[in-house]
């Protein structure tokens, strides 16, 4: 368990990059979902 803690402390940049990538992935996923839902509710998309 201590080894993991030491690794995290010595790889702070890696940890920050992982956190950023996770947050970016969640944000992009939510954005895509929002855009998809928006397309469904617009009459212009339904007219096709």
Protein backbone atom coordinates (compact mmCIF):
# COMPACT_ATOMS: atom_id res chain seq x y z
CA UNK A 1 0.00 0.00 0.00
CA UNK A 2 2.88 2.36 0.81
CA UNK A 3 4.45 1.56 -2.56
CA UNK A 4 1.32 2.80 -4.35
CA UNK A 5 1.41 6.03 -2.31
CA UNK A 6 5.11 6.58 -3.14
CA UNK A 7 4.41 5.89 -6.82
CA UNK A 8 1.54 8.42 -6.87
CA UNK A 9 3.68 11.08 -5.20
CA UNK A 10 6.55 10.51 -7.64
CA UNK A 11 4.19 10.50 -10.64
CA UNK A 12 2.07 13.57 -9.92
CA UNK A 13 2.12 14.65 -13.58
CA UNK A 14 0.88 11.22 -14.67
CA UNK A 15 -1.85 11.35 -12.04
CA UNK A 16 -2.89 14.86 -13.11
CA UNK A 17 -2.98 13.73 -16.75
CA UNK A 18 -5.17 10.73 -15.85
CA UNK A 19 -7.57 12.93 -13.88
CA UNK A 20 -7.71 15.44 -16.73
CA UNK A 21 -8.30 12.72 -19.31
CA UNK A 22 -11.10 11.23 -17.19
CA UNK A 23 -12.80 14.60 -16.70
CA UNK A 24 -12.39 15.46 -20.39
CA UNK A 25 -13.87 12.08 -21.35
CA UNK A 26 -16.88 12.58 -19.07
CA UNK A 27 -17.40 16.11 -20.40
CA UNK A 28 -17.13 15.07 -24.07
CA UNK A 29 -19.43 12.10 -23.48
CA UNK A 30 -22.03 14.33 -21.82
CA UNK A 31 -21.72 16.88 -24.63
CA UNK A 32 -22.24 14.23 -27.33
CA UNK A 33 -25.24 12.84 -25.43
CA UNK A 34 -26.68 16.35 -25.10
CA UNK A 35 -26.24 17.02 -28.83
CA UNK A 36 -27.86 13.68 -29.71
CA UNK A 37 -30.84 14.47 -27.47
CA UNK A 38 -31.08 17.92 -29.03
CA UNK A 39 -31.27 16.43 -32.52
CA UNK A 40 -34.18 14.21 -31.48
CA UNK A 41 -36.24 17.11 -30.12
CA UNK A 42 -35.81 19.43 -33.13
CA UNK A 43 -38.62 19.16 -35.72
CA UNK A 44 -36.06 19.60 -38.52
CA UNK A 45 -34.37 16.31 -37.57
CA UNK A 46 -37.72 14.51 -37.31
CA UNK A 47 -38.80 15.70 -40.79
CA UNK A 48 -36.12 13.55 -42.49
